[in-house]
Amino acid sequence: MKLRLGAAVAALTVAGLTLPGSATATTATTPTAAKAAPTGSPVALRGPAKVVAYSEGGRVYGDLGINLAAATDHAFEVRSTRADWNSPIRTVWQSPSGPVALPAQTRWDALSRFVRLTIRRADGSVARTRYVDTCLNSYNTQRTNPDAPLRSPYPESCPANPFTIGAVQGIQAGWVSGIETWNTSFKLKPGKYTITADINAAYTRAIGIAPADATRTYKLVVRKTQGEGEEPGHRGGHSAAERPSATRPSSARSGAPTDAVPDLRSLPAFGMTLSPNSKRLRFSATVWNAGDGPMVVDGFRRGRSDIMDAYQYFIDSDGNQTGYRQVGTMIWHKAPSHNHWHFQDFARYTLLKADMSEAVRSRKESFCLANTDAVDYTVPGADWKPEGTDLHTACGDRSTVSLREVLASGSGDTYSQFRAGQAFRIDNLPNGIYYISVEGNPDRNLVESDTTNNVALRKIKLSGKPKHRKLTVFPVGIIDDSGYGYDEE
């Protein structure tokens, strides 16, 4: 069952964004919120008495057994928002009595310097000390007692896109979440150590964590790696939300959207590079759903052809279908790095001249809707656990006869610059100032609450000689997106 945050479409105009513009954080009730104050610390460090880790090449990687436990009577929830591209990230703890400001953050994917780890040798000397940035949304989370809620509504990871607008981290009441240390390593020889984890004092003061709950000391045994472990298997398949309607609709349209309507918006292009021969400008782009309802598009194949008729389905806040409308077609896209079904007219990429007239349009004209990025999970109706994040299961294969593509509320669909067609041909363009335009729903076939906010622009400059062009990318406010979006196939 999808957690609904916020009430209705009426709140959409208050919480929505016009990019660049303002992002107003919505005040949503946490999963187990109540009027009474929580007993004890809102969150506490927990962990086993002893952890065994393995050293590979003299370094220890992976889970060190540190956990954070939420109080049994209240979830521990943290929200981060950015008012506009020129404003810093504002992070607050959603306490039972209202938002409480936390230390300033420069990133979306973790709480900076949340925990300090001190590792001591058997003689008491310090071997290593390090602060660990912590994402509360761990995949390694579970209940701590049988009376805790059956499910956690929180995401299983934290967003990394520098153009993220709002993020939610949390631990369900009575649940424990692992502090991941996979992105760091410790230079430790095989042997016995004592490890102490301490929550940063700036956080303990703001949150009101008792001293005994802000520290945890246990034994660490480091052993030499004996062999390679097996990676857990991945089992694909279609979830219920990805299954298309059982039969093709009998008419082009029926019914209408009610209280949950999608709203497609675009983020500024990023990851721009020139091809080695300077003929193409490559880029990455994201179109996301800021509405309080999902964008649901079903495709039905025309016999044995590589074309499907596409229908948008309207889903209300209770998850019931209220209608549909034929909105175009899907095609089988066999280009390298794609090989799945694409919905046409979902987005359009255009390189504009300084006077905003069209210079060139990207050949990329069809897309697979998939929830690749958590852009703003603070919008009303945001789905914190969207289904269909695997392109291969959400977008079908060559034998598929019908399918469903979904862009959930709060999530975005990113196409990285390595994918076929994700570029502009520029070898015949003069040097000068240009703008990359990313536009969602360009032909306005899709039904959404607002079509005036579908375009985002990114300023660039082309210079140099024809075979040795130079690219200058202008910043968007204070956003540092250097090094992001340069994926390789």
Foldseek 3Di string as FASTA:
>chain_A
DFDFWDDFQVCLVVQDQFAQFFGDFDQGAAPQADLDFAPAFQKFKDFDQEDEFEDDPQKTAKAPTIKMAGAQRFKWKKKWFATGLQGFIWMFIQGSVGTFTADGDRFWFFAPQFKWKWKAAPVGHTQDIDGATFAQQAPPKDAQDPVFDPDDQAAHGTFGFLLFGMTMGIHGRRMMHGGIGRVDMGRHDFDKIKMKMFGDPRHCVRRVHDRVRRMDIHMYGYHHDDDDDDDDDDDDADDPVKADDPDDDPDQKDFDADTWFWDKFWDAWDPWDADLQRFKIFIKIKIATQTQFKFKKKWAADPLAQKTFIKTWHAHPVGDTGMIHGQAMWGQDPDPPAQFIWAFQFKWKFKAAPVRHTDWTFPDGTHAAAQQGQRHQSRGNFGNYDPRNDNDHNGDHSPDRMIMGMRTHRGMDMDFRQDPRRITGPLPPDWFKIKIKMFGNVVVSGDGDDRPSGIDIWIKTWDDDSRDIDIGTDDDNPRDCPPPRNDDD
